[in-house]
Amino acid sequence: MSAAFDQPTLWQRVKPVLFGFDGPLATAVLVLAAFGLVTMYSAGFDHGTRFVDHGRNMLIALLILWVVAQVPPNRLMALAIPIYTVGVALLIATAMFGITRKGATRWLQLGIVIQPSEILKLATPLMMAWWFQRCEGKLGALQWAVAALILLVPFGLVAKQPDLGTAILIFSAGLYVIFFAGLSWKLIVPVMVAAAIGVVAVVVSEPTICEAGMKWPLLKDYQQQRICTLLDPSKDPLGRGFHILQGMIAIGSGGTTGKGFMQGTQTHLEFIPERTTDFVFAAFSEEFGLAGTLGLLAAFTFLIFRGLMIAADAPTLFARLLAGALTLSIFTYVFVNMGMVSGILPVVGIPLPFVSYGGTAMVTLGLAIGILMSIARSRRLMQT
């Protein structure tokens, strides 16, 4: 009988903290991190310490991932309102007192320079998941309206800065929460049809609008120029179309197996703009070709699939909505980045997860994966 009441050993207590991660998800993250380090070593060859800094950013993100993975989902839920409130307050402060660079007011000086919009990438789905958990079983028009307001406030503030890329990520994360909360297909399908009609209308009217200099409502001049450039980058191959054309040239020149590590001519002759950040996928595809690209896509697909599995098995509505939204947010990162580099989407400045250089984006990804780890761990603890 006494054995039943034996205290666990120190190792038994420490082991879950050190190794209590979701194995498949951790494997996908490590594989993508390896892809990122190899690519950064080549693409950042003449950027001073960029490769070293990229490795440091990864280590910081992994540390944050480990810390967040130890936090139970119910405690994350308790942080939803404070984090969201602080994030929105910082966005308002940025609009009033922010630092303007290249025509955009996105940064705030608080001892150090921060970009508050990054907080809302996680705070918005966190807050919306909290709201739907609170309203579980009694969703009506008022509850849906409040959810829409929670989403539109940060989206509007970020879009006004302007920062279209971050605004897209915030908006998509919120939409994913609304979708998983049970939004009717009767509302989703008409919006999708209207969007498809809008895209067709833009393509058909492109020669008239772009060449005649006509204005599209609700779009700033630079946003309209990006769309016109996407539809026909060859009209200004050395100007606005340069990014898209060079990205497509680099991807196509990689062929089936690529030119080889450190052998990319478009990369090393500096034809690819922003080759360590937004256009790093072009540098990767040039050197590793179709085979390497399929490997990278397989790793991302596995990560997203595993994230959705964690969401499906989540123990609470809050955890399910949050895990699903964060997973599909990573999908949005990947789809938009690869799409803009390949010339099928406008250039909006969204990094490729774990591969693009950037400390803030890496930290945000570390937080997102840490939350997924926390949710997966809570499920295993409940089962045992």
Protein backbone atom coordinates (compact mmCIF):
# COMPACT_ATOMS: atom_id res chain seq x y z
CA MET A 1 0.00 0.00 0.00
CA SER A 2 2.80 2.42 0.82
CA ALA A 3 4.07 2.30 -2.76
CA ALA A 4 0.84 3.93 -3.92
CA PHE A 5 1.66 7.00 -1.88
CA ASP A 6 5.37 7.27 -2.80
CA GLN A 7 6.42 10.80 -3.74
CA PRO A 8 7.61 11.23 -7.34
CA THR A 9 11.34 11.57 -7.78
CA LEU A 10 12.98 14.84 -8.86
CA TRP A 11 13.52 13.42 -12.36
CA GLN A 12 9.85 12.45 -12.62
CA ARG A 13 8.92 16.04 -11.80
CA VAL A 14 11.45 17.66 -14.11
CA LYS A 15 11.01 15.34 -17.12
CA PRO A 16 7.59 16.73 -18.22
CA VAL A 17 8.97 20.27 -18.06
CA LEU A 18 12.02 19.45 -20.16
CA PHE A 19 10.52 16.96 -22.61
CA GLY A 20 6.76 17.42 -22.36
CA PHE A 21 6.44 18.74 -25.91
CA ASP A 22 4.34 17.50 -28.77
CA GLY A 23 6.87 15.40 -30.70
CA PRO A 24 5.51 15.75 -34.25
CA LEU A 25 5.04 19.52 -33.90
CA ALA A 26 8.53 19.95 -32.42
CA THR A 27 10.00 17.90 -35.28
CA ALA A 28 8.32 20.10 -37.90
CA VAL A 29 9.60 23.27 -36.19
CA LEU A 30 13.18 21.95 -36.02
CA VAL A 31 13.14 20.91 -39.69
CA LEU A 32 11.88 24.35 -40.73
CA ALA A 33 14.49 26.01 -38.50
CA ALA A 34 17.18 23.96 -40.27
CA PHE A 35 15.85 25.07 -43.67
CA GLY A 36 15.96 28.66 -42.40
CA LEU A 37 19.52 28.51 -41.13
CA VAL A 38 20.85 26.94 -44.34
CA THR A 39 19.04 29.48 -46.50
CA MET A 40 20.16 32.44 -44.36
CA TYR A 41 23.79 31.31 -44.49
CA SER A 42 23.69 31.59 -48.27
CA ALA A 43 21.29 34.51 -48.79
CA GLY A 44 22.90 36.58 -46.01
CA PHE A 45 26.48 35.93 -47.07
CA ASP A 46 27.31 39.64 -47.41
CA HIS A 47 24.98 40.99 -44.71
CA GLY A 48 27.53 41.03 -41.90
CA THR A 49 26.20 39.14 -38.89
CA ARG A 50 22.77 38.38 -40.34
CA PHE A 51 23.25 34.59 -40.18
CA VAL A 52 24.45 34.77 -36.58
CA ASP A 53 21.60 37.12 -35.67
CA HIS A 54 19.12 34.76 -37.33
CA GLY A 55 20.41 31.89 -35.22
CA ARG A 56 20.18 34.03 -32.09
CA ASN A 57 16.60 35.00 -32.93
CA MET A 58 15.74 31.33 -33.33
CA LEU A 59 17.21 30.49 -29.93
CA ILE A 60 15.21 33.31 -28.33
CA ALA A 61 12.05 32.08 -30.06
CA LEU A 62 12.71 28.50 -28.88
CA LEU A 63 13.20 29.74 -25.31
CA ILE A 64 9.91 31.66 -25.49
CA LEU A 65 8.25 28.57 -26.99
CA TRP A 66 9.47 26.45 -24.06
CA VAL A 67 8.28 28.97 -21.45
CA VAL A 68 4.84 29.43 -23.00
CA ALA A 69 4.42 25.66 -23.38
CA GLN A 70 4.52 25.40 -19.57
CA VAL A 71 1.56 27.80 -19.16
CA PRO A 72 -1.83 26.02 -18.98
CA PRO A 73 -4.47 27.22 -21.48
CA ASN A 74 -6.75 28.47 -18.68
CA ARG A 75 -4.04 30.91 -17.59
CA LEU A 76 -3.59 32.04 -21.19
CA MET A 77 -7.32 32.66 -21.26
CA ALA A 78 -7.03 34.87 -18.17
CA LEU A 79 -4.46 37.01 -20.01
CA ALA A 80 -6.70 37.64 -23.05
CA ILE A 81 -8.33 40.88 -21.88
CA PRO A 82 -5.16 42.53 -20.45
CA ILE A 83 -3.04 41.72 -23.52
CA TYR A 84 -5.71 42.83 -25.99
CA THR A 85 -6.42 46.05 -24.05
CA VAL A 86 -2.73 46.96 -23.80
CA GLY A 87 -2.23 46.16 -27.50
CA VAL A 88 -5.10 48.39 -28.64
CA ALA A 89 -3.98 51.18 -26.29
CA LEU A 90 -0.48 51.01 -27.80
CA LEU A 91 -1.96 51.17 -31.31
CA ILE A 92 -3.88 54.32 -30.36
CA ALA A 93 -0.72 55.79 -28.84
CA THR A 94 1.15 54.95 -32.04
CA ALA A 95 -1.44 56.80 -34.11
CA MET A 96 -1.04 59.85 -31.86
CA PHE A 97 2.66 59.86 -30.97
CA GLY A 98 4.26 57.21 -33.19
CA ILE A 99 7.42 57.32 -35.26
CA THR A 100 6.90 57.77 -39.00
CA ARG A 101 9.24 56.10 -41.47
CA LYS A 102 8.74 56.01 -45.24
CA GLY A 103 5.24 57.43 -44.88
CA ALA A 104 4.05 54.83 -42.32
CA THR A 105 3.48 55.44 -38.60
CA ARG A 106 4.01 51.95 -37.18
CA TRP A 107 6.52 52.36 -34.36
CA LEU A 108 6.38 53.71 -30.82
CA GLN A 109 9.22 54.92 -28.64
CA LEU A 110 8.96 53.46 -25.12
CA GLY A 111 12.59 53.46 -24.04
CA ILE A 112 13.05 51.10 -26.97
CA VAL A 113 11.31 51.27 -30.32
CA ILE A 114 8.46 48.74 -30.58
CA GLN A 115 5.90 47.85 -33.23
CA PRO A 116 2.61 47.40 -31.31
CA SER A 117 0.79 45.83 -34.26
CA GLU A 118 2.84 42.65 -33.73
CA ILE A 119 1.14 42.16 -30.35
CA LEU A 120 -2.29 42.08 -32.01
CA LYS A 121 -1.37 39.15 -34.27
CA LEU A 122 -1.79 36.98 -31.17
CA ALA A 123 -3.88 39.22 -28.92
CA THR A 124 -6.80 39.42 -31.39
CA PRO A 125 -7.43 35.66 -31.80
CA LEU A 126 -6.73 35.22 -28.07
CA MET A 127 -9.40 37.78 -27.16
CA MET A 128 -11.91 36.44 -29.69
CA ALA A 129 -11.43 32.87 -28.46
CA TRP A 130 -12.02 34.13 -24.91
CA TRP A 131 -15.22 35.86 -26.04
CA PHE A 132 -16.66 32.81 -27.77
CA GLN A 133 -15.77 30.62 -24.76
CA ARG A 134 -17.67 33.08 -22.56
CA CYS A 135 -20.66 32.99 -24.92
CA GLU A 136 -20.61 29.23 -25.48
CA GLY A 137 -24.09 27.90 -26.12
CA LYS A 138 -25.75 31.30 -26.47
CA LEU A 139 -24.47 32.82 -29.70
CA GLY A 140 -26.81 35.41 -31.16
CA ALA A 141 -26.62 38.51 -33.30
CA LEU A 142 -25.21 40.58 -30.41
CA GLN A 143 -22.42 38.10 -29.68
CA TRP A 144 -21.40 37.96 -33.35
CA ALA A 145 -21.46 41.78 -33.52
CA VAL A 146 -19.17 42.07 -30.48
CA ALA A 147 -16.78 39.52 -32.04
CA ALA A 148 -16.71 41.57 -35.24
CA LEU A 149 -15.95 44.71 -33.22
CA ILE A 150 -13.09 42.98 -31.37
CA LEU A 151 -11.61 42.16 -34.78
CA LEU A 152 -12.27 45.41 -36.64
CA VAL A 153 -10.79 47.75 -34.01
CA PRO A 154 -7.16 46.51 -34.30
CA PHE A 155 -7.55 45.81 -38.02
CA GLY A 156 -8.68 49.37 -38.68
CA LEU A 157 -5.94 50.92 -36.55
CA VAL A 158 -3.20 48.87 -38.24
CA ALA A 159 -4.56 49.41 -41.77
CA LYS A 160 -4.58 53.16 -41.11
CA GLN A 161 -0.84 53.24 -40.24
CA PRO A 162 -0.71 51.94 -43.10
CA ASP A 163 0.57 48.35 -42.72
CA LEU A 164 -1.42 46.17 -45.08
CA GLY A 165 0.61 43.01 -44.48
CA THR A 166 0.13 42.99 -40.70
CA ALA A 167 -3.50 44.08 -41.08
CA ILE A 168 -4.13 41.05 -43.33
CA LEU A 169 -2.61 38.72 -40.74
CA ILE A 170 -4.69 40.19 -37.90
CA PHE A 171 -7.88 40.10 -39.96
CA SER A 172 -7.33 36.54 -41.16
CA ALA A 173 -6.57 35.31 -37.61
CA GLY A 174 -9.83 36.81 -36.40
CA LEU A 175 -11.79 35.37 -39.31
CA TYR A 176 -10.42 31.92 -38.54
CA VAL A 177 -11.71 32.17 -34.96
CA ILE A 178 -15.14 33.24 -36.25
CA PHE A 179 -15.15 30.36 -38.75
CA PHE A 180 -14.25 27.73 -36.15
CA ALA A 181 -16.84 29.23 -33.77
CA GLY A 182 -19.53 28.11 -36.19
CA LEU A 183 -20.27 30.93 -38.61
CA SER A 184 -22.95 29.76 -41.04
CA TRP A 185 -21.96 28.86 -44.61
CA LYS A 186 -24.98 30.92 -45.68
CA LEU A 187 -22.93 33.98 -44.70
CA ILE A 188 -19.54 32.69 -45.84
CA VAL A 189 -20.45 31.63 -49.40
CA PRO A 190 -21.95 35.01 -50.51
CA VAL A 191 -18.81 36.81 -49.30
CA MET A 192 -16.58 34.36 -51.20
CA VAL A 193 -18.67 34.78 -54.35
CA ALA A 194 -18.53 38.57 -54.04
CA ALA A 195 -14.74 38.41 -53.58
CA ALA A 196 -14.36 36.21 -56.67
CA ILE A 197 -16.48 38.62 -58.71
CA GLY A 198 -14.36 41.50 -57.43
CA VAL A 199 -11.13 39.79 -58.49
CA VAL A 200 -12.51 39.11 -61.97
CA ALA A 201 -13.67 42.73 -62.23
CA VAL A 202 -10.23 43.99 -61.28
CA VAL A 203 -8.51 41.78 -63.87
CA VAL A 204 -10.94 42.78 -66.62
CA SER A 205 -10.74 46.49 -65.82
CA GLU A 206 -6.95 46.54 -65.32
CA PRO A 207 -6.03 47.99 -68.74
CA THR A 208 -8.53 50.82 -68.36
CA ILE A 209 -7.85 51.68 -64.73
CA CYS A 210 -4.07 51.18 -64.59
CA GLU A 211 -3.20 52.84 -67.90
CA ALA A 212 -5.68 55.70 -67.53
CA GLY A 213 -4.64 56.42 -63.94
CA MET A 214 -8.17 55.98 -62.61
CA LYS A 215 -8.66 55.57 -58.85
CA TRP A 216 -10.08 52.57 -57.03
CA PRO A 217 -12.13 53.48 -53.96
CA LEU A 218 -10.76 52.54 -50.50
CA LEU A 219 -7.23 51.97 -51.84
CA LYS A 220 -4.23 54.23 -51.36
CA ASP A 221 -2.14 55.07 -54.42
CA TYR A 222 0.71 52.70 -53.52
CA GLN A 223 -1.77 49.84 -52.91
CA GLN A 224 -3.34 50.37 -56.34
CA GLN A 225 0.12 50.48 -57.89
CA ARG A 226 0.95 47.12 -56.31
CA ILE A 227 -2.14 45.53 -57.82
CA CYS A 228 -1.44 47.03 -61.26
CA THR A 229 2.16 45.86 -61.03
CA LEU A 230 1.03 42.34 -60.08
CA LEU A 231 -1.29 42.16 -63.10
CA ASP A 232 1.47 43.21 -65.49
CA PRO A 233 4.96 43.60 -63.91
CA SER A 234 6.60 43.86 -67.34
CA LYS A 235 5.21 47.39 -67.81
CA ASP A 236 7.85 48.70 -65.38
CA PRO A 237 10.53 45.95 -65.25
CA LEU A 238 13.22 48.16 -63.70
CA GLY A 239 10.89 49.95 -61.31
CA ARG A 240 7.77 48.72 -59.58
CA GLY A 241 7.83 45.34 -61.38
CA PHE A 242 11.46 44.59 -60.52
CA HIS A 243 10.73 42.67 -57.29
CA ILE A 244 8.15 40.34 -58.83
CA LEU A 245 10.10 39.69 -62.05
CA GLN A 246 13.37 38.90 -60.25
CA GLY A 247 11.58 36.61 -57.82
CA MET A 248 9.99 34.65 -60.67
CA ILE A 249 13.30 34.51 -62.57
CA ALA A 250 15.09 33.11 -59.51
CA ILE A 251 12.41 30.49 -58.84
CA GLY A 252 12.31 29.38 -62.48
CA SER A 253 16.09 29.26 -62.87
CA GLY A 254 16.37 26.76 -60.01
CA GLY A 255 14.93 24.03 -62.21
CA THR A 256 14.32 20.59 -60.74
CA THR A 257 17.27 20.23 -58.38
CA GLY A 258 18.50 23.83 -58.07
CA LYS A 259 21.84 25.45 -58.79
CA GLY A 260 23.35 24.20 -55.54
CA PHE A 261 24.10 25.61 -52.11
CA MET A 262 25.83 29.02 -52.35
CA GLN A 263 25.61 28.82 -56.16
CA GLY A 264 22.55 30.97 -56.82
CA THR A 265 23.51 33.66 -59.33
CA GLN A 266 20.37 35.77 -58.85
CA THR A 267 21.01 35.66 -55.11
CA HIS A 268 24.75 36.22 -55.03
CA LEU A 269 24.77 38.84 -57.77
CA GLU A 270 22.15 40.70 -55.71
CA PHE A 271 19.36 40.73 -58.29
CA ILE A 272 16.83 39.46 -55.74
CA PRO A 273 15.64 42.37 -53.59
CA GLU A 274 15.13 41.74 -49.85
CA ARG A 275 16.60 38.28 -50.34
CA THR A 276 16.97 37.61 -46.60
CA THR A 277 13.49 38.85 -45.61
CA ASP A 278 10.38 39.00 -47.79
CA PHE A 279 11.95 37.35 -50.87
CA VAL A 280 14.00 34.66 -49.13
CA PHE A 281 11.82 31.98 -50.77
CA ALA A 282 13.18 33.04 -54.19
CA ALA A 283 16.75 32.59 -52.95
CA PHE A 284 15.87 29.17 -51.51
CA SER A 285 14.13 27.99 -54.70
CA GLU A 286 17.01 29.10 -56.90
CA GLU A 287 19.58 27.06 -54.99
CA PHE A 288 17.48 23.98 -54.11
CA GLY A 289 15.03 23.89 -57.02
CA LEU A 290 11.71 22.10 -57.20
CA ALA A 291 12.94 19.24 -55.01
CA GLY A 292 13.91 21.56 -52.17
CA THR A 293 10.71 23.57 -52.54
CA LEU A 294 8.61 20.40 -52.27
CA GLY A 295 10.55 19.47 -49.12
CA LEU A 296 9.90 22.90 -47.62
CA LEU A 297 6.21 22.69 -48.54
CA ALA A 298 6.01 19.21 -47.01
CA ALA A 299 7.43 20.51 -43.72
CA PHE A 300 4.96 23.42 -43.63
CA THR A 301 2.07 21.10 -44.56
CA PHE A 302 2.99 18.70 -41.77
CA LEU A 303 3.20 21.55 -39.24
CA ILE A 304 -0.20 22.92 -40.27
CA PHE A 305 -1.77 19.46 -40.30
CA ARG A 306 -0.40 18.75 -36.81
CA GLY A 307 -1.66 22.11 -35.53
CA LEU A 308 -5.17 21.34 -36.80
CA MET A 309 -5.00 17.92 -35.13
CA ILE A 310 -4.13 19.64 -31.84
CA ALA A 311 -7.06 22.01 -32.35
CA ALA A 312 -9.44 19.10 -33.02
CA ASP A 313 -8.35 17.33 -29.81
CA ALA A 314 -8.32 20.48 -27.63
CA PRO A 315 -10.14 20.05 -24.30
CA THR A 316 -12.09 23.35 -24.35
CA LEU A 317 -13.75 25.62 -26.88
CA PHE A 318 -11.24 28.39 -26.08
CA ALA A 319 -8.28 26.10 -26.77
CA ARG A 320 -9.86 24.70 -29.93
CA LEU A 321 -10.58 28.13 -31.41
CA LEU A 322 -7.17 29.52 -30.48
CA ALA A 323 -5.21 26.52 -31.78
CA GLY A 324 -7.15 26.47 -35.05
CA ALA A 325 -6.73 30.21 -35.61
CA LEU A 326 -2.99 30.22 -34.85
CA THR A 327 -2.39 27.23 -37.12
CA LEU A 328 -4.22 28.78 -40.06
CA SER A 329 -2.45 32.08 -39.38
CA ILE A 330 0.83 30.28 -40.04
CA PHE A 331 -0.75 28.94 -43.25
CA THR A 332 -1.57 32.55 -44.19
CA TYR A 333 2.05 33.57 -43.63
CA VAL A 334 3.24 30.79 -45.93
CA PHE A 335 0.60 31.22 -48.63
CA VAL A 336 0.89 35.00 -48.90
CA ASN A 337 4.72 35.04 -48.83
CA MET A 338 5.14 32.33 -51.44
CA GLY A 339 2.30 33.83 -53.48
CA MET A 340 3.80 37.32 -53.63
CA VAL A 341 7.29 36.00 -54.46
CA SER A 342 5.84 33.78 -57.19
CA GLY A 343 3.87 36.65 -58.73
CA ILE A 344 0.33 35.50 -57.93
CA LEU A 345 -0.30 37.94 -55.06
CA PRO A 346 0.65 41.60 -54.49
CA VAL A 347 3.83 42.33 -52.54
CA VAL A 348 2.67 43.13 -48.99
CA GLY A 349 5.72 42.45 -46.82
CA ILE A 350 4.87 39.21 -44.99
CA PRO A 351 7.81 36.98 -43.91
CA LEU A 352 8.17 33.25 -44.52
CA PRO A 353 7.93 31.53 -41.10
CA PHE A 354 11.26 30.35 -39.62
CA VAL A 355 13.09 31.17 -42.88
CA SER A 356 12.89 34.97 -43.28
CA TYR A 357 15.17 37.17 -41.22
CA GLY A 358 13.44 39.20 -38.50
CA GLY A 359 13.48 39.10 -34.72
CA THR A 360 9.93 40.31 -34.09
CA ALA A 361 8.35 37.81 -36.48
CA MET A 362 10.43 34.99 -35.00
CA VAL A 363 9.32 35.86 -31.47
CA THR A 364 5.68 35.96 -32.59
CA LEU A 365 6.05 32.50 -34.15
CA GLY A 366 7.70 31.21 -30.97
CA LEU A 367 4.72 32.43 -28.96
CA ALA A 368 2.24 30.85 -31.39
CA ILE A 369 3.96 27.46 -31.41
CA GLY A 370 4.35 27.64 -27.62
CA ILE A 371 0.58 28.11 -27.26
CA LEU A 372 -0.03 25.09 -29.52
CA MET A 373 2.39 23.07 -27.37
CA SER A 374 0.54 24.20 -24.24
CA ILE A 375 -2.82 23.10 -25.65
CA ALA A 376 -1.44 19.73 -26.79
CA ARG A 377 0.13 19.19 -23.38
CA SER A 378 -3.09 20.02 -21.54
CA ARG A 379 -4.89 17.36 -23.56
CA ARG A 380 -2.32 14.71 -22.67
CA LEU A 381 -2.48 15.63 -18.98
CA MET A 382 -6.28 15.28 -19.01
CA GLN A 383 -5.99 11.84 -20.64
CA THR A 384 -3.55 10.65 -17.98
